[in-house]
């Protein structure tokens, strides 16, 4: 399984979760776990996803999510789980 971490941060607005989840479904990415909060009007979401079944290259998936973020006014980042875990240990 190719686990990846997706983070989404931005001003809260209607449809953020729907847009991100639609993009992932269309890319054949399975959401394994999701957590979201709204703090003082700012939306924060972290997702753990299985990217092993997507036909998109990792960089194409990452670029697509970043482009979606620009369209909806959020910052969306995709990281491989092993990179994310390594960064947390530093």
PDB file of N, CA and C in Angstrom:
ATOM      1  N   UNK A   1       0.853  -1.186   0.000  1.00  0.00           N
ATOM      2  CA  UNK A   1       0.000   0.000   0.000  1.00  0.00           C
ATOM      3  C   UNK A   1       0.889   1.237   0.000  1.00  0.00           C
ATOM      4  N   UNK A   2       0.568   2.202  -0.828  1.00  0.00           N
ATOM      5  CA  UNK A   2       1.297   3.462  -0.896  1.00  0.00           C
ATOM      6  C   UNK A   2       0.551   4.530  -0.131  1.00  0.00           C
ATOM      7  N   UNK A   3       0.871   4.670   1.163  1.00  0.00           N
ATOM      8  CA  UNK A   3       0.184   5.678   1.966  1.00  0.00           C
ATOM      9  C   UNK A   3       0.805   7.049   1.751  1.00  0.00           C
ATOM     10  N   UNK A   4      -0.072   8.047   1.712  1.00  0.00           N
ATOM     11  CA  UNK A   4       0.345   9.439   1.562  1.00  0.00           C
ATOM     12  C   UNK A   4      -0.462  10.304   2.518  1.00  0.00           C
ATOM     13  N   UNK A   5       0.113  11.442   2.861  1.00  0.00           N
ATOM     14  CA  UNK A   5      -0.527  12.403   3.752  1.00  0.00           C
ATOM     15  C   UNK A   5      -0.894  13.638   2.938  1.00  0.00           C
ATOM     16  N   UNK A   6      -2.137  14.066   3.070  1.00  0.00           N
ATOM     17  CA  UNK A   6      -2.601  15.285   2.394  1.00  0.00           C
ATOM     18  C   UNK A   6      -2.999  16.275   3.480  1.00  0.00           C
ATOM     19  N   UNK A   7      -2.498  17.502   3.364  1.00  0.00           N
ATOM     20  CA  UNK A   7      -2.907  18.564   4.277  1.00  0.00           C
ATOM     21  C   UNK A   7      -3.570  19.676   3.476  1.00  0.00           C
ATOM     22  N   UNK A   8      -4.621  20.233   4.061  1.00  0.00           N
ATOM     23  CA  UNK A   8      -5.370  21.320   3.425  1.00  0.00           C
ATOM     24  C   UNK A   8      -5.566  22.416   4.469  1.00  0.00           C
ATOM     25  N   UNK A   9      -5.165  23.631   4.131  1.00  0.00           N
ATOM     26  CA  UNK A   9      -5.306  24.767   5.049  1.00  0.00           C
ATOM     27  C   UNK A   9      -5.822  25.961   4.259  1.00  0.00           C
ATOM     28  N   UNK A  10      -6.797  26.664   4.823  1.00  0.00           N
ATOM     29  CA  UNK A  10      -7.304  27.863   4.160  1.00  0.00           C
ATOM     30  C   UNK A  10      -8.472  28.452   4.911  1.00  0.00           C
ATOM     31  N   UNK A  11      -8.950  29.587   4.438  1.00  0.00           N
ATOM     32  CA  UNK A  11     -10.131  30.232   5.002  1.00  0.00           C
ATOM     33  C   UNK A  11     -11.314  29.294   4.810  1.00  0.00           C
ATOM     34  N   UNK A  12     -12.113  29.117   5.849  1.00  0.00           N
ATOM     35  CA  UNK A  12     -13.253  28.208   5.768  1.00  0.00           C
ATOM     36  C   UNK A  12     -14.268  28.703   4.741  1.00  0.00           C
ATOM     37  N   UNK A  13     -14.783  27.767   3.969  1.00  0.00           N
ATOM     38  CA  UNK A  13     -15.832  28.054   2.984  1.00  0.00           C
ATOM     39  C   UNK A  13     -16.553  26.758   2.641  1.00  0.00           C
ATOM     40  N   UNK A  14     -17.702  26.877   2.082  1.00  0.00           N
ATOM     41  CA  UNK A  14     -18.503  25.720   1.699  1.00  0.00           C
ATOM     42  C   UNK A  14     -17.809  24.952   0.582  1.00  0.00           C
ATOM     43  N   UNK A  15     -17.749  23.631   0.706  1.00  0.00           N
ATOM     44  CA  UNK A  15     -17.327  22.772  -0.396  1.00  0.00           C
ATOM     45  C   UNK A  15     -15.878  22.334  -0.418  1.00  0.00           C
ATOM     46  N   UNK A  16     -15.066  22.726   0.553  1.00  0.00           N
ATOM     47  CA  UNK A  16     -13.651  22.340   0.510  1.00  0.00           C
ATOM     48  C   UNK A  16     -13.513  20.818   0.544  1.00  0.00           C
ATOM     49  N   UNK A  17     -14.148  20.181   1.522  1.00  0.00           N
ATOM     50  CA  UNK A  17     -14.032  18.728   1.638  1.00  0.00           C
ATOM     51  C   UNK A  17     -14.584  18.051   0.381  1.00  0.00           C
ATOM     52  N   UNK A  18     -15.709  18.514  -0.103  1.00  0.00           N
ATOM     53  CA  UNK A  18     -16.312  17.920  -1.294  1.00  0.00           C
ATOM     54  C   UNK A  18     -15.389  18.014  -2.502  1.00  0.00           C
ATOM     55  N   UNK A  19     -14.772  19.162  -2.710  1.00  0.00           N
ATOM     56  CA  UNK A  19     -13.896  19.342  -3.883  1.00  0.00           C
ATOM     57  C   UNK A  19     -12.658  18.452  -3.793  1.00  0.00           C
ATOM     58  N   UNK A  20     -12.048  18.401  -2.609  1.00  0.00           N
ATOM     59  CA  UNK A  20     -10.851  17.580  -2.446  1.00  0.00           C
ATOM     60  C   UNK A  20     -11.204  16.098  -2.596  1.00  0.00           C
ATOM     61  N   UNK A  21     -12.281  15.664  -1.957  1.00  0.00           N
ATOM     62  CA  UNK A  21     -12.682  14.257  -2.041  1.00  0.00           C
ATOM     63  C   UNK A  21     -13.087  13.857  -3.461  1.00  0.00           C
ATOM     64  N   UNK A  22     -13.722  14.746  -4.186  1.00  0.00           N
ATOM     65  CA  UNK A  22     -14.074  14.467  -5.580  1.00  0.00           C
ATOM     66  C   UNK A  22     -12.818  14.286  -6.421  1.00  0.00           C
ATOM     67  N   UNK A  23     -11.851  15.175  -6.246  1.00  0.00           N
ATOM     68  CA  UNK A  23     -10.585  15.056  -6.979  1.00  0.00           C
ATOM     69  C   UNK A  23      -9.927  13.712  -6.682  1.00  0.00           C
ATOM     70  N   UNK A  24      -9.891  13.328  -5.407  1.00  0.00           N
ATOM     71  CA  UNK A  24      -9.259  12.069  -5.024  1.00  0.00           C
ATOM     72  C   UNK A  24     -10.012  10.870  -5.600  1.00  0.00           C
ATOM     73  N   UNK A  25     -11.335  10.896  -5.544  1.00  0.00           N
ATOM     74  CA  UNK A  25     -12.128   9.794  -6.101  1.00  0.00           C
ATOM     75  C   UNK A  25     -11.895   9.652  -7.603  1.00  0.00           C
ATOM     76  N   UNK A  26     -11.858  10.784  -8.306  1.00  0.00           N
ATOM     77  CA  UNK A  26     -11.611  10.747  -9.753  1.00  0.00           C
ATOM     78  C   UNK A  26     -10.202  10.266 -10.073  1.00  0.00           C
ATOM     79  N   UNK A  27      -9.283  10.374  -9.107  1.00  0.00           N
ATOM     80  CA  UNK A  27      -7.899   9.926  -9.292  1.00  0.00           C
ATOM     81  C   UNK A  27      -7.677   8.514  -8.749  1.00  0.00           C
ATOM     82  N   UNK A  28      -8.758   7.867  -8.294  1.00  0.00           N
ATOM     83  CA  UNK A  28      -8.710   6.507  -7.751  1.00  0.00           C
ATOM     84  C   UNK A  28      -7.811   6.432  -6.509  1.00  0.00           C
ATOM     85  N   UNK A  29      -7.935   7.430  -5.649  1.00  0.00           N
ATOM     86  CA  UNK A  29      -7.195   7.485  -4.381  1.00  0.00           C
ATOM     87  C   UNK A  29      -8.203   7.213  -3.266  1.00  0.00           C
ATOM     88  N   UNK A  30      -7.881   6.253  -2.411  1.00  0.00           N
ATOM     89  CA  UNK A  30      -8.762   5.873  -1.312  1.00  0.00           C
ATOM     90  C   UNK A  30      -8.390   6.637  -0.044  1.00  0.00           C
ATOM     91  N   UNK A  31      -9.377   7.242   0.600  1.00  0.00           N
ATOM     92  CA  UNK A  31      -9.168   7.943   1.863  1.00  0.00           C
ATOM     93  C   UNK A  31      -9.270   6.926   2.988  1.00  0.00           C
ATOM     94  N   UNK A  32      -8.194   6.785   3.755  1.00  0.00           N
ATOM     95  CA  UNK A  32      -8.153   5.834   4.862  1.00  0.00           C
ATOM     96  C   UNK A  32      -8.561   6.472   6.184  1.00  0.00           C
ATOM     97  N   UNK A  33      -8.212   7.731   6.356  1.00  0.00           N
ATOM     98  CA  UNK A  33      -8.534   8.446   7.592  1.00  0.00           C
ATOM     99  C   UNK A  33      -8.573   9.934   7.277  1.00  0.00           C
ATOM    100  N   UNK A  34      -9.435  10.643   7.984  1.00  0.00           N
ATOM    101  CA  UNK A  34      -9.574  12.074   7.738  1.00  0.00           C
ATOM    102  C   UNK A  34      -9.888  12.784   9.051  1.00  0.00           C
ATOM    103  N   UNK A  35      -9.261  13.925   9.241  1.00  0.00           N
ATOM    104  CA  UNK A  35      -9.505  14.752  10.411  1.00  0.00           C
ATOM    105  C   UNK A  35      -9.565  16.197   9.940  1.00  0.00           C
ATOM    106  N   UNK A  36     -10.580  16.928  10.412  1.00  0.00           N
ATOM    107  CA  UNK A  36     -10.670  18.332  10.026  1.00  0.00           C
ATOM    108  C   UNK A  36     -11.175  19.148  11.191  1.00  0.00           C
ATOM    109  N   UNK A  37     -10.677  20.368  11.259  1.00  0.00           N
ATOM    110  CA  UNK A  37     -11.112  21.311  12.281  1.00  0.00           C
ATOM    111  C   UNK A  37     -11.217  22.698  11.661  1.00  0.00           C
ATOM    112  N   UNK A  38     -11.962  23.529  12.323  1.00  0.00           N
ATOM    113  CA  UNK A  38     -12.052  24.937  11.951  1.00  0.00           C
ATOM    114  C   UNK A  38     -11.672  25.730  13.191  1.00  0.00           C
ATOM    115  N   UNK A  39     -10.644  26.554  13.067  1.00  0.00           N
ATOM    116  CA  UNK A  39     -10.151  27.356  14.174  1.00  0.00           C
ATOM    117  C   UNK A  39     -10.196  28.824  13.756  1.00  0.00           C
ATOM    118  N   UNK A  40     -11.026  29.590  14.445  1.00  0.00           N
ATOM    119  CA  UNK A  40     -11.134  31.027  14.189  1.00  0.00           C
ATOM    120  C   UNK A  40     -11.324  31.345  12.705  1.00  0.00           C
ATOM    121  N   UNK A  41     -12.159  30.548  12.030  1.00  0.00           N
ATOM    122  CA  UNK A  41     -12.483  30.799  10.625  1.00  0.00           C
ATOM    123  C   UNK A  41     -11.521  30.175   9.629  1.00  0.00           C
ATOM    124  N   UNK A  42     -10.515  29.449  10.120  1.00  0.00           N
ATOM    125  CA  UNK A  42      -9.557  28.788   9.230  1.00  0.00           C
ATOM    126  C   UNK A  42      -9.779  27.285   9.245  1.00  0.00           C
ATOM    127  N   UNK A  43      -9.853  26.716   8.064  1.00  0.00           N
ATOM    128  CA  UNK A  43     -10.099  25.293   7.865  1.00  0.00           C
ATOM    129  C   UNK A  43      -8.764  24.551   7.823  1.00  0.00           C
ATOM    130  N   UNK A  44      -8.676  23.462   8.573  1.00  0.00           N
ATOM    131  CA  UNK A  44      -7.486  22.610   8.586  1.00  0.00           C
ATOM    132  C   UNK A  44      -7.930  21.164   8.419  1.00  0.00           C
ATOM    133  N   UNK A  45      -7.327  20.450   7.481  1.00  0.00           N
ATOM    134  CA  UNK A  45      -7.679  19.050   7.269  1.00  0.00           C
ATOM    135  C   UNK A  45      -6.415  18.243   7.006  1.00  0.00           C
ATOM    136  N   UNK A  46      -6.395  17.050   7.574  1.00  0.00           N
ATOM    137  CA  UNK A  46      -5.311  16.110   7.312  1.00  0.00           C
ATOM    138  C   UNK A  46      -5.951  14.783   6.920  1.00  0.00           C
ATOM    139  N   UNK A  47      -5.448  14.204   5.847  1.00  0.00           N
ATOM    140  CA  UNK A  47      -5.977  12.940   5.359  1.00  0.00           C
ATOM    141  C   UNK A  47      -4.837  11.946   5.186  1.00  0.00           C
ATOM    142  N   UNK A  48      -5.106  10.701   5.519  1.00  0.00           N
ATOM    143  CA  UNK A  48      -4.194   9.616   5.180  1.00  0.00           C
ATOM    144  C   UNK A  48      -4.874   8.854   4.058  1.00  0.00           C
ATOM    145  N   UNK A  49      -4.158   8.695   2.949  1.00  0.00           N
ATOM    146  CA  UNK A  49      -4.739   8.103   1.752  1.00  0.00           C
ATOM    147  C   UNK A  49      -3.877   6.971   1.218  1.00  0.00           C
ATOM    148  N   UNK A  50      -4.535   6.059   0.515  1.00  0.00           N
ATOM    149  CA  UNK A  50      -3.836   4.998  -0.205  1.00  0.00           C
ATOM    150  C   UNK A  50      -3.764   5.431  -1.668  1.00  0.00           C
ATOM    151  N   UNK A  51      -2.549   5.718  -2.126  1.00  0.00           N
ATOM    152  CA  UNK A  51      -2.357   6.183  -3.505  1.00  0.00           C
ATOM    153  C   UNK A  51      -1.852   5.074  -4.430  1.00  0.00           C
ATOM    154  N   UNK A  52      -1.865   3.835  -3.952  1.00  0.00           N
ATOM    155  CA  UNK A  52      -1.288   2.749  -4.742  1.00  0.00           C
ATOM    156  C   UNK A  52      -2.122   2.367  -5.976  1.00  0.00           C
ATOM    157  N   UNK A  53      -3.390   2.728  -6.019  1.00  0.00           N
ATOM    158  CA  UNK A  53      -4.243   2.340  -7.149  1.00  0.00           C
ATOM    159  C   UNK A  53      -4.433   3.444  -8.189  1.00  0.00           C
ATOM    160  N   UNK A  54      -3.875   4.623  -7.936  1.00  0.00           N
ATOM    161  CA  UNK A  54      -4.035   5.702  -8.907  1.00  0.00           C
ATOM    162  C   UNK A  54      -3.177   5.441 -10.138  1.00  0.00           C
ATOM    163  N   UNK A  55      -3.650   5.888 -11.280  1.00  0.00           N
ATOM    164  CA  UNK A  55      -2.857   5.760 -12.502  1.00  0.00           C
ATOM    165  C   UNK A  55      -2.021   7.018 -12.749  1.00  0.00           C
ATOM    166  N   UNK A  56      -2.110   7.985 -11.838  1.00  0.00           N
ATOM    167  CA  UNK A  56      -1.334   9.218 -11.977  1.00  0.00           C
ATOM    168  C   UNK A  56       0.021   9.064 -11.292  1.00  0.00           C
ATOM    169  N   UNK A  57       1.030   9.671 -11.883  1.00  0.00           N
ATOM    170  CA  UNK A  57       2.337   9.730 -11.224  1.00  0.00           C
ATOM    171  C   UNK A  57       2.190  10.583  -9.962  1.00  0.00           C
ATOM    172  N   UNK A  58       3.016  10.307  -8.957  1.00  0.00           N
ATOM    173  CA  UNK A  58       2.927  11.025  -7.685  1.00  0.00           C
ATOM    174  C   UNK A  58       3.018  12.535  -7.893  1.00  0.00           C
ATOM    175  N   UNK A  59       3.949  12.970  -8.732  1.00  0.00           N
ATOM    176  CA  UNK A  59       4.127  14.413  -8.963  1.00  0.00           C
ATOM    177  C   UNK A  59       2.905  15.013  -9.657  1.00  0.00           C
ATOM    178  N   UNK A  60       2.279  14.258 -10.549  1.00  0.00           N
ATOM    179  CA  UNK A  60       1.071  14.749 -11.227  1.00  0.00           C
ATOM    180  C   UNK A  60      -0.079  14.871 -10.230  1.00  0.00           C
ATOM    181  N   UNK A  61      -0.183  13.917  -9.328  1.00  0.00           N
ATOM    182  CA  UNK A  61      -1.210  13.969  -8.291  1.00  0.00           C
ATOM    183  C   UNK A  61      -0.972  15.169  -7.375  1.00  0.00           C
ATOM    184  N   UNK A  62       0.277  15.362  -6.970  1.00  0.00           N
ATOM    185  CA  UNK A  62       0.642  16.491  -6.122  1.00  0.00           C
ATOM    186  C   UNK A  62       0.345  17.825  -6.811  1.00  0.00           C
ATOM    187  N   UNK A  63       0.745  17.943  -8.071  1.00  0.00           N
ATOM    188  CA  UNK A  63       0.493  19.170  -8.837  1.00  0.00           C
ATOM    189  C   UNK A  63      -1.001  19.424  -8.996  1.00  0.00           C
ATOM    190  N   UNK A  64      -1.769  18.369  -9.229  1.00  0.00           N
ATOM    191  CA  UNK A  64      -3.224  18.506  -9.375  1.00  0.00           C
ATOM    192  C   UNK A  64      -3.873  19.012  -8.102  1.00  0.00           C
ATOM    193  N   UNK A  65      -3.412  18.494  -6.964  1.00  0.00           N
ATOM    194  CA  UNK A  65      -3.947  18.955  -5.683  1.00  0.00           C
ATOM    195  C   UNK A  65      -3.555  20.406  -5.413  1.00  0.00           C
ATOM    196  N   UNK A  66      -2.317  20.773  -5.737  1.00  0.00           N
ATOM    197  CA  UNK A  66      -1.898  22.167  -5.549  1.00  0.00           C
ATOM    198  C   UNK A  66      -2.714  23.107  -6.430  1.00  0.00           C
ATOM    199  N   UNK A  67      -2.982  22.691  -7.652  1.00  0.00           N
ATOM    200  CA  UNK A  67      -3.803  23.510  -8.560  1.00  0.00           C
ATOM    201  C   UNK A  67      -5.227  23.639  -8.026  1.00  0.00           C
ATOM    202  N   UNK A  68      -5.790  22.547  -7.537  1.00  0.00           N
ATOM    203  CA  UNK A  68      -7.114  22.597  -6.931  1.00  0.00           C
ATOM    204  C   UNK A  68      -7.109  23.574  -5.756  1.00  0.00           C
ATOM    205  N   UNK A  69      -6.057  23.514  -4.945  1.00  0.00           N
ATOM    206  CA  UNK A  69      -5.939  24.440  -3.816  1.00  0.00           C
ATOM    207  C   UNK A  69      -5.974  25.892  -4.261  1.00  0.00           C
ATOM    208  N   UNK A  70      -5.252  26.205  -5.332  1.00  0.00           N
ATOM    209  CA  UNK A  70      -5.264  27.584  -5.851  1.00  0.00           C
ATOM    210  C   UNK A  70      -6.676  27.992  -6.270  1.00  0.00           C
ATOM    211  N   UNK A  71      -7.415  27.073  -6.877  1.00  0.00           N
ATOM    212  CA  UNK A  71      -8.768  27.382  -7.342  1.00  0.00           C
ATOM    213  C   UNK A  71      -9.731  27.642  -6.187  1.00  0.00           C
ATOM    214  N   UNK A  72      -9.539  26.927  -5.078  1.00  0.00           N
ATOM    215  CA  UNK A  72     -10.480  27.065  -3.969  1.00  0.00           C
ATOM    216  C   UNK A  72      -9.926  27.916  -2.817  1.00  0.00           C
ATOM    217  N   UNK A  73      -8.755  28.499  -3.011  1.00  0.00           N
ATOM    218  CA  UNK A  73      -8.196  29.406  -2.013  1.00  0.00           C
ATOM    219  C   UNK A  73      -7.583  28.717  -0.807  1.00  0.00           C
ATOM    220  N   UNK A  74      -7.029  27.536  -1.011  1.00  0.00           N
ATOM    221  CA  UNK A  74      -6.392  26.780   0.074  1.00  0.00           C
ATOM    222  C   UNK A  74      -4.986  26.364  -0.343  1.00  0.00           C
ATOM    223  N   UNK A  75      -4.208  25.966   0.628  1.00  0.00           N
ATOM    224  CA  UNK A  75      -2.905  25.363   0.360  1.00  0.00           C
ATOM    225  C   UNK A  75      -3.067  23.868   0.578  1.00  0.00           C
ATOM    226  N   UNK A  76      -2.818  23.087  -0.471  1.00  0.00           N
ATOM    227  CA  UNK A  76      -2.944  21.635  -0.387  1.00  0.00           C
ATOM    228  C   UNK A  76      -1.586  21.029  -0.693  1.00  0.00           C
ATOM    229  N   UNK A  77      -1.126  20.180   0.218  1.00  0.00           N
ATOM    230  CA  UNK A  77       0.169  19.508   0.060  1.00  0.00           C
ATOM    231  C   UNK A  77      -0.015  18.006   0.151  1.00  0.00           C
ATOM    232  N   UNK A  78       0.725  17.294  -0.678  1.00  0.00           N
ATOM    233  CA  UNK A  78       0.739  15.834  -0.686  1.00  0.00           C
ATOM    234  C   UNK A  78       2.149  15.374  -0.368  1.00  0.00           C
ATOM    235  N   UNK A  79       2.280  14.457   0.587  1.00  0.00           N
ATOM    236  CA  UNK A  79       3.586  13.921   0.951  1.00  0.00           C
ATOM    237  C   UNK A  79       3.474  12.414   1.110  1.00  0.00           C
ATOM    238  N   UNK A  80       4.504  11.713   0.707  1.00  0.00           N
ATOM    239  CA  UNK A  80       4.549  10.287   0.975  1.00  0.00           C
ATOM    240  C   UNK A  80       4.665  10.082   2.482  1.00  0.00           C
ATOM    241  N   UNK A  81       4.042   9.036   2.974  1.00  0.00           N
ATOM    242  CA  UNK A  81       4.031   8.782   4.417  1.00  0.00           C
ATOM    243  C   UNK A  81       5.443   8.702   5.002  1.00  0.00           C
ATOM    244  N   UNK A  82       6.345   8.029   4.314  1.00  0.00           N
ATOM    245  CA  UNK A  82       7.694   7.871   4.866  1.00  0.00           C
ATOM    246  C   UNK A  82       8.436   9.210   4.959  1.00  0.00           C
ATOM    247  N   UNK A  83       8.192  10.111   4.032  1.00  0.00           N
ATOM    248  CA  UNK A  83       8.804  11.450   4.089  1.00  0.00           C
ATOM    249  C   UNK A  83       8.195  12.232   5.252  1.00  0.00           C
ATOM    250  N   UNK A  84       6.871  12.168   5.371  1.00  0.00           N
ATOM    251  CA  UNK A  84       6.177  12.868   6.446  1.00  0.00           C
ATOM    252  C   UNK A  84       6.687  12.397   7.807  1.00  0.00           C
ATOM    253  N   UNK A  85       6.807  11.072   7.980  1.00  0.00           N
ATOM    254  CA  UNK A  85       7.292  10.531   9.250  1.00  0.00           C
ATOM    255  C   UNK A  85       8.734  10.957   9.530  1.00  0.00           C
ATOM    256  N   UNK A  86       9.572  10.974   8.507  1.00  0.00           N
ATOM    257  CA  UNK A  86      10.954  11.400   8.681  1.00  0.00           C
ATOM    258  C   UNK A  86      11.038  12.854   9.104  1.00  0.00           C
ATOM    259  N   UNK A  87      10.218  13.698   8.513  1.00  0.00           N
ATOM    260  CA  UNK A  87      10.211  15.115   8.859  1.00  0.00           C
ATOM    261  C   UNK A  87       9.763  15.327  10.303  1.00  0.00           C
ATOM    262  N   UNK A  88       8.842  14.496  10.784  1.00  0.00           N
ATOM    263  CA  UNK A  88       8.344  14.646  12.143  1.00  0.00           C
ATOM    264  C   UNK A  88       9.387  14.227  13.181  1.00  0.00           C
ATOM    265  N   UNK A  89      10.336  13.377  12.777  1.00  0.00           N
ATOM    266  CA  UNK A  89      11.372  12.909  13.692  1.00  0.00           C
ATOM    267  C   UNK A  89      12.498  13.931  13.843  1.00  0.00           C
ATOM    268  N   UNK A  90      12.648  14.831  12.896  1.00  0.00           N
ATOM    269  CA  UNK A  90      13.768  15.782  12.921  1.00  0.00           C
ATOM    270  C   UNK A  90      13.573  16.834  13.993  1.00  0.00           C
TER     271      UNK A  90
END
